Amino acid sequence: MDDLFADRLFNAFERNDPDPGTLLLAAPDIADHRFSRSAILIIENDERTTYGVDLTQFTDAAVANVFPEIDDFCAPPKAVFIGGPVERSSVLALGVVKKGLEQPVERPYFMHLGSRMVHVDLHADPDQYREELEGIRLFAGFAEWEPGQLDAEIENGDWFVTPALPSDILAGRNADVWGQAFRRQAGELSVLSTFPADLSMN
């Protein structure tokens, strides 16, 4: 199949900017198989870099063995996720603040990403924020793009930019974050949620 979507019909949809707190959903026929069915939460996007973490891939590494101080309020599965192919030895944390928490943007240990989603500073004492979070998740590595690179990939139809929900960060072991995110989109874009992971099952 030379071109799964002919002239990339879905390129015609209105596009959102990949701002912090948005999701990058991989097109079903994305050429880079490392990102097959990926849902990447954007953490930063400026003139220098764009980076985020993949919410879909977890490892067998237990959080208790990596950062035991947060294990008690880590969202299940209590495993380290693979955030992306860059700097796998580094660990980033995303959290969801509890409903009713006033102005998470004013906490020095949180970088507010929109809604109740925050990037958590792991250098801070967990006792400062454990009572403020509904859950936290750790990611080894991240996905990163040079200036202009992601825009070109979006223009090519490799990624769709959609709003993220706090539940995307805390999704459980059997959740299909990629499929669920497509499913809640309007119109024809929701059809992509039915695309099978294995084409032989189609």
C-alpha atoms as a PDB file:
ATOM      1  CA  MET A   1       0.000   0.000   0.000  1.00  0.00           C
ATOM      2  CA  ASP A   2       1.952   2.997  -1.303  1.00  0.00           C
ATOM      3  CA  ASP A   3       0.032   5.683   0.557  1.00  0.00           C
ATOM      4  CA  LEU A   4      -2.373   4.544   3.220  1.00  0.00           C
ATOM      5  CA  PHE A   5      -4.428   7.722   3.106  1.00  0.00           C
ATOM      6  CA  ALA A   6      -3.975   8.570  -0.588  1.00  0.00           C
ATOM      7  CA  ASP A   7      -3.215  12.319  -0.524  1.00  0.00           C
ATOM      8  CA  ARG A   8      -3.489  12.414   3.283  1.00  0.00           C
ATOM      9  CA  LEU A   9      -7.125  13.455   3.447  1.00  0.00           C
ATOM     10  CA  PHE A  10      -6.879  14.282   7.122  1.00  0.00           C
ATOM     11  CA  ASN A  11      -4.289  16.968   6.399  1.00  0.00           C
ATOM     12  CA  ALA A  12      -7.242  19.163   5.512  1.00  0.00           C
ATOM     13  CA  PHE A  13      -8.464  19.356   9.117  1.00  0.00           C
ATOM     14  CA  GLU A  14      -8.029  22.503  11.151  1.00  0.00           C
ATOM     15  CA  ARG A  15      -4.770  22.310  13.081  1.00  0.00           C
ATOM     16  CA  ASN A  16      -3.983  23.228  16.664  1.00  0.00           C
ATOM     17  CA  ASP A  17      -0.600  24.522  17.753  1.00  0.00           C
ATOM     18  CA  PRO A  18       1.586  22.054  19.714  1.00  0.00           C
ATOM     19  CA  ASP A  19       1.508  24.130  22.891  1.00  0.00           C
ATOM     20  CA  PRO A  20       2.422  22.770  26.332  1.00  0.00           C
ATOM     21  CA  GLY A  21      -0.388  20.555  27.569  1.00  0.00           C
ATOM     22  CA  THR A  22      -1.479  19.396  24.121  1.00  0.00           C
ATOM     23  CA  LEU A  23      -1.211  15.867  22.754  1.00  0.00           C
ATOM     24  CA  LEU A  24       0.618  14.789  19.635  1.00  0.00           C
ATOM     25  CA  LEU A  25      -1.178  11.749  18.237  1.00  0.00           C
ATOM     26  CA  ALA A  26       0.818   9.708  15.735  1.00  0.00           C
ATOM     27  CA  ALA A  27      -0.833   9.116  12.374  1.00  0.00           C
ATOM     28  CA  PRO A  28      -1.631   5.421  11.827  1.00  0.00           C
ATOM     29  CA  ASP A  29       0.895   5.302   8.982  1.00  0.00           C
ATOM     30  CA  ILE A  30       3.677   7.323  10.622  1.00  0.00           C
ATOM     31  CA  ALA A  31       6.985   6.352   9.026  1.00  0.00           C
ATOM     32  CA  ASP A  32       9.006   6.311  12.264  1.00  0.00           C
ATOM     33  CA  HIS A  33       7.893   3.054  13.904  1.00  0.00           C
ATOM     34  CA  ARG A  34       9.320   4.142  17.249  1.00  0.00           C
ATOM     35  CA  PHE A  35       6.268   6.362  17.528  1.00  0.00           C
ATOM     36  CA  SER A  36       3.605   3.936  16.329  1.00  0.00           C
ATOM     37  CA  ARG A  37       0.339   4.700  18.211  1.00  0.00           C
ATOM     38  CA  SER A  38       2.144   7.239  20.373  1.00  0.00           C
ATOM     39  CA  ALA A  39       0.376   9.955  22.335  1.00  0.00           C
ATOM     40  CA  ILE A  40       2.989  12.531  23.319  1.00  0.00           C
ATOM     41  CA  LEU A  41       2.193  15.213  25.852  1.00  0.00           C
ATOM     42  CA  ILE A  42       4.011  18.421  24.948  1.00  0.00           C
ATOM     43  CA  ILE A  43       5.922  19.932  27.876  1.00  0.00           C
ATOM     44  CA  GLU A  44       7.722  22.772  26.126  1.00  0.00           C
ATOM     45  CA  ASN A  45       7.541  24.393  22.697  1.00  0.00           C
ATOM     46  CA  ASP A  46       9.555  27.519  21.935  1.00  0.00           C
ATOM     47  CA  GLU A  47      12.063  28.891  19.437  1.00  0.00           C
ATOM     48  CA  ARG A  48      14.827  26.653  20.827  1.00  0.00           C
ATOM     49  CA  THR A  49      13.210  23.247  21.176  1.00  0.00           C
ATOM     50  CA  THR A  50      10.048  21.212  21.428  1.00  0.00           C
ATOM     51  CA  TYR A  51       9.881  18.218  23.724  1.00  0.00           C
ATOM     52  CA  GLY A  52       7.360  15.976  25.418  1.00  0.00           C
ATOM     53  CA  VAL A  53       6.816  12.466  26.743  1.00  0.00           C
ATOM     54  CA  ASP A  54       5.002   9.459  25.335  1.00  0.00           C
ATOM     55  CA  LEU A  55       2.109   8.391  27.569  1.00  0.00           C
ATOM     56  CA  THR A  56       1.683   4.942  26.047  1.00  0.00           C
ATOM     57  CA  GLN A  57       4.725   2.782  26.844  1.00  0.00           C
ATOM     58  CA  PHE A  58       5.608   1.476  30.295  1.00  0.00           C
ATOM     59  CA  THR A  59       8.500  -0.710  31.405  1.00  0.00           C
ATOM     60  CA  ASP A  60       9.004  -3.403  34.023  1.00  0.00           C
ATOM     61  CA  ALA A  61      11.021  -1.001  36.175  1.00  0.00           C
ATOM     62  CA  ALA A  62       9.158  -0.302  39.418  1.00  0.00           C
ATOM     63  CA  VAL A  63       8.931   3.290  40.622  1.00  0.00           C
ATOM     64  CA  ALA A  64       9.781   2.034  44.116  1.00  0.00           C
ATOM     65  CA  ASN A  65      13.236   1.042  42.821  1.00  0.00           C
ATOM     66  CA  VAL A  66      13.890   4.361  41.077  1.00  0.00           C
ATOM     67  CA  PHE A  67      12.226   7.012  43.207  1.00  0.00           C
ATOM     68  CA  PRO A  68      10.760   5.344  46.312  1.00  0.00           C
ATOM     69  CA  GLU A  69       9.765   8.685  47.842  1.00  0.00           C
ATOM     70  CA  ILE A  70       6.837   9.041  45.425  1.00  0.00           C
ATOM     71  CA  ASP A  71       5.762   5.403  45.185  1.00  0.00           C
ATOM     72  CA  ASP A  72       2.844   5.827  47.596  1.00  0.00           C
ATOM     73  CA  PHE A  73       1.086   8.412  45.400  1.00  0.00           C
ATOM     74  CA  CYS A  74       2.253   7.174  41.993  1.00  0.00           C
ATOM     75  CA  ALA A  75      -0.549   6.269  39.585  1.00  0.00           C
ATOM     76  CA  PRO A  76      -0.882   2.563  38.740  1.00  0.00           C
ATOM     77  CA  PRO A  77       0.776   0.793  37.120  1.00  0.00           C
ATOM     78  CA  LYS A  78       3.579   1.909  39.433  1.00  0.00           C
ATOM     79  CA  ALA A  79       6.136   1.520  36.674  1.00  0.00           C
ATOM     80  CA  VAL A  80       8.491   3.868  34.865  1.00  0.00           C
ATOM     81  CA  PHE A  81       7.202   4.779  31.406  1.00  0.00           C
ATOM     82  CA  ILE A  82       9.361   5.216  28.296  1.00  0.00           C
ATOM     83  CA  GLY A  83       9.024   8.916  27.579  1.00  0.00           C
ATOM     84  CA  GLY A  84      10.899   8.809  24.284  1.00  0.00           C
ATOM     85  CA  PRO A  85      14.188   7.943  22.576  1.00  0.00           C
ATOM     86  CA  VAL A  86      16.216  10.924  23.868  1.00  0.00           C
ATOM     87  CA  GLU A  87      18.265  10.687  27.094  1.00  0.00           C
ATOM     88  CA  ARG A  88      16.715   7.502  28.475  1.00  0.00           C
ATOM     89  CA  SER A  89      18.865   7.881  31.590  1.00  0.00           C
ATOM     90  CA  SER A  90      17.018  11.052  32.599  1.00  0.00           C
ATOM     91  CA  VAL A  91      13.678  10.916  34.435  1.00  0.00           C
ATOM     92  CA  LEU A  92      10.810  13.394  34.106  1.00  0.00           C
ATOM     93  CA  ALA A  93       7.613  13.517  36.133  1.00  0.00           C
ATOM     94  CA  LEU A  94       4.083  14.526  35.204  1.00  0.00           C
ATOM     95  CA  GLY A  95       1.304  14.912  37.712  1.00  0.00           C
ATOM     96  CA  VAL A  96      -2.366  15.764  38.022  1.00  0.00           C
ATOM     97  CA  VAL A  97      -3.277  18.146  40.827  1.00  0.00           C
ATOM     98  CA  LYS A  98      -6.339  17.505  42.945  1.00  0.00           C
ATOM     99  CA  LYS A  99      -9.578  19.259  42.077  1.00  0.00           C
ATOM    100  CA  GLY A 100      -9.958  22.540  43.885  1.00  0.00           C
ATOM    101  CA  LEU A 101      -6.243  23.261  44.218  1.00  0.00           C
ATOM    102  CA  GLU A 102      -5.823  26.991  43.794  1.00  0.00           C
ATOM    103  CA  GLN A 103      -3.319  28.298  41.276  1.00  0.00           C
ATOM    104  CA  PRO A 104      -0.909  25.374  40.728  1.00  0.00           C
ATOM    105  CA  VAL A 105       1.086  27.754  38.516  1.00  0.00           C
ATOM    106  CA  GLU A 106       2.252  29.540  41.682  1.00  0.00           C
ATOM    107  CA  ARG A 107       3.937  26.431  43.133  1.00  0.00           C
ATOM    108  CA  PRO A 108       7.703  26.558  42.431  1.00  0.00           C
ATOM    109  CA  TYR A 109       7.837  22.770  42.064  1.00  0.00           C
ATOM    110  CA  PHE A 110       5.114  22.666  39.373  1.00  0.00           C
ATOM    111  CA  MET A 111       5.223  23.846  35.774  1.00  0.00           C
ATOM    112  CA  HIS A 112       1.564  24.219  34.854  1.00  0.00           C
ATOM    113  CA  LEU A 113       0.682  22.592  31.511  1.00  0.00           C
ATOM    114  CA  GLY A 114      -3.010  23.451  31.445  1.00  0.00           C
ATOM    115  CA  SER A 115      -6.105  22.112  33.164  1.00  0.00           C
ATOM    116  CA  ARG A 116      -4.844  20.146  36.212  1.00  0.00           C
ATOM    117  CA  MET A 117      -1.706  18.851  34.477  1.00  0.00           C
ATOM    118  CA  VAL A 118       1.748  19.771  35.770  1.00  0.00           C
ATOM    119  CA  HIS A 119       5.392  18.970  35.119  1.00  0.00           C
ATOM    120  CA  VAL A 120       6.831  18.154  38.553  1.00  0.00           C
ATOM    121  CA  ASP A 121      10.312  19.177  39.689  1.00  0.00           C
ATOM    122  CA  LEU A 122      11.826  15.959  41.049  1.00  0.00           C
ATOM    123  CA  HIS A 123      14.530  17.942  42.826  1.00  0.00           C
ATOM    124  CA  ALA A 124      11.888  19.293  45.210  1.00  0.00           C
ATOM    125  CA  ASP A 125      10.966  17.490  48.423  1.00  0.00           C
ATOM    126  CA  PRO A 126       7.994  15.203  47.634  1.00  0.00           C
ATOM    127  CA  ASP A 127       6.476  16.139  50.991  1.00  0.00           C
ATOM    128  CA  GLN A 128       5.865  19.600  49.536  1.00  0.00           C
ATOM    129  CA  TYR A 129       3.483  18.333  46.885  1.00  0.00           C
ATOM    130  CA  ARG A 130       2.293  14.800  47.713  1.00  0.00           C
ATOM    131  CA  GLU A 131      -0.975  16.062  49.274  1.00  0.00           C
ATOM    132  CA  GLU A 132      -1.622  18.294  46.264  1.00  0.00           C
ATOM    133  CA  LEU A 133      -1.482  15.572  43.616  1.00  0.00           C
ATOM    134  CA  GLU A 134      -4.112  13.101  42.527  1.00  0.00           C
ATOM    135  CA  GLY A 135      -1.288  11.073  41.013  1.00  0.00           C
ATOM    136  CA  ILE A 136       2.179  11.270  39.491  1.00  0.00           C
ATOM    137  CA  ARG A 137       3.963   9.333  36.745  1.00  0.00           C
ATOM    138  CA  LEU A 138       7.651   8.946  35.879  1.00  0.00           C
ATOM    139  CA  PHE A 139       9.089   8.876  32.357  1.00  0.00           C
ATOM    140  CA  ALA A 140      12.561   7.757  31.273  1.00  0.00           C
ATOM    141  CA  GLY A 141      13.675   9.898  28.369  1.00  0.00           C
ATOM    142  CA  PHE A 142      11.641  12.143  26.106  1.00  0.00           C
ATOM    143  CA  ALA A 143      10.871  12.966  22.487  1.00  0.00           C
ATOM    144  CA  GLU A 144      12.481  16.133  21.121  1.00  0.00           C
ATOM    145  CA  TRP A 145      12.362  18.137  17.904  1.00  0.00           C
ATOM    146  CA  GLU A 146      14.675  20.821  16.573  1.00  0.00           C
ATOM    147  CA  PRO A 147      13.183  24.213  15.607  1.00  0.00           C
ATOM    148  CA  GLY A 148      10.897  23.764  12.610  1.00  0.00           C
ATOM    149  CA  GLN A 149      11.145  19.967  12.601  1.00  0.00           C
ATOM    150  CA  LEU A 150       7.825  19.236  14.281  1.00  0.00           C
ATOM    151  CA  ASP A 151       6.000  21.819  12.168  1.00  0.00           C
ATOM    152  CA  ALA A 152       7.259  20.022   9.058  1.00  0.00           C
ATOM    153  CA  GLU A 153       6.130  16.630  10.401  1.00  0.00           C
ATOM    154  CA  ILE A 154       2.679  18.015  11.236  1.00  0.00           C
ATOM    155  CA  GLU A 155       2.471  19.541   7.763  1.00  0.00           C
ATOM    156  CA  ASN A 156       3.348  16.128   6.348  1.00  0.00           C
ATOM    157  CA  GLY A 157       0.458  14.558   8.255  1.00  0.00           C
ATOM    158  CA  ASP A 158       2.599  12.512  10.653  1.00  0.00           C
ATOM    159  CA  TRP A 159       1.005  14.006  13.773  1.00  0.00           C
ATOM    160  CA  PHE A 160      -2.342  15.390  14.883  1.00  0.00           C
ATOM    161  CA  VAL A 161      -2.412  17.993  17.658  1.00  0.00           C
ATOM    162  CA  THR A 162      -5.300  17.663  20.110  1.00  0.00           C
ATOM    163  CA  PRO A 163      -6.166  18.868  23.618  1.00  0.00           C
ATOM    164  CA  ALA A 164      -4.958  16.612  26.431  1.00  0.00           C
ATOM    165  CA  LEU A 165      -6.942  15.548  29.487  1.00  0.00           C
ATOM    166  CA  PRO A 166      -5.599  14.856  32.995  1.00  0.00           C
ATOM    167  CA  SER A 167      -6.867  11.281  32.615  1.00  0.00           C
ATOM    168  CA  ASP A 168      -4.407  10.769  29.738  1.00  0.00           C
ATOM    169  CA  ILE A 169      -1.507  11.115  32.190  1.00  0.00           C
ATOM    170  CA  LEU A 170      -2.972   8.748  34.782  1.00  0.00           C
ATOM    171  CA  ALA A 171      -4.378   6.133  32.374  1.00  0.00           C
ATOM    172  CA  GLY A 172      -4.107   2.550  33.630  1.00  0.00           C
ATOM    173  CA  ARG A 173      -2.169  -0.447  32.376  1.00  0.00           C
ATOM    174  CA  ASN A 174      -4.757  -1.590  29.818  1.00  0.00           C
ATOM    175  CA  ALA A 175      -5.777   1.867  28.603  1.00  0.00           C
ATOM    176  CA  ASP A 176      -5.403   2.758  24.927  1.00  0.00           C
ATOM    177  CA  VAL A 177      -4.503   6.430  25.320  1.00  0.00           C
ATOM    178  CA  TRP A 178      -3.944   6.855  21.575  1.00  0.00           C
ATOM    179  CA  GLY A 179      -7.279   5.313  20.622  1.00  0.00           C
ATOM    180  CA  GLN A 180      -9.216   7.085  23.372  1.00  0.00           C
ATOM    181  CA  ALA A 181      -7.799  10.464  22.378  1.00  0.00           C
ATOM    182  CA  PHE A 182      -8.813   9.959  18.747  1.00  0.00           C
ATOM    183  CA  ARG A 183     -12.232   8.683  19.820  1.00  0.00           C
ATOM    184  CA  ARG A 184     -13.120  11.919  21.566  1.00  0.00           C
ATOM    185  CA  GLN A 185     -12.319  14.057  18.510  1.00  0.00           C
ATOM    186  CA  ALA A 186     -15.050  15.537  16.358  1.00  0.00           C
ATOM    187  CA  GLY A 187     -16.114  14.227  12.966  1.00  0.00           C
ATOM    188  CA  GLU A 188     -14.014  12.038  10.717  1.00  0.00           C
ATOM    189  CA  LEU A 189     -10.904  12.276  12.877  1.00  0.00           C
ATOM    190  CA  SER A 190     -12.535   9.981  15.448  1.00  0.00           C
ATOM    191  CA  VAL A 191     -12.578   7.218  12.826  1.00  0.00           C
ATOM    192  CA  LEU A 192      -8.824   6.790  13.289  1.00  0.00           C
ATOM    193  CA  SER A 193      -9.492   5.351  16.748  1.00  0.00           C
ATOM    194  CA  THR A 194     -10.669   2.144  15.049  1.00  0.00           C
ATOM    195  CA  PHE A 195      -7.378   1.652  13.197  1.00  0.00           C
ATOM    196  CA  PRO A 196      -5.952  -1.710  14.367  1.00  0.00           C
ATOM    197  CA  ALA A 197      -2.474  -1.974  15.839  1.00  0.00           C
ATOM    198  CA  ASP A 198      -1.961  -5.048  13.645  1.00  0.00           C
ATOM    199  CA  LEU A 199      -3.081  -4.510  10.037  1.00  0.00           C
ATOM    200  CA  SER A 200      -3.571  -8.257   9.597  1.00  0.00           C
ATOM    201  CA  MET A 201      -6.517  -7.953  12.014  1.00  0.00           C
ATOM    202  CA  ASN A 202      -8.316  -5.516   9.730  1.00  0.00           C
END
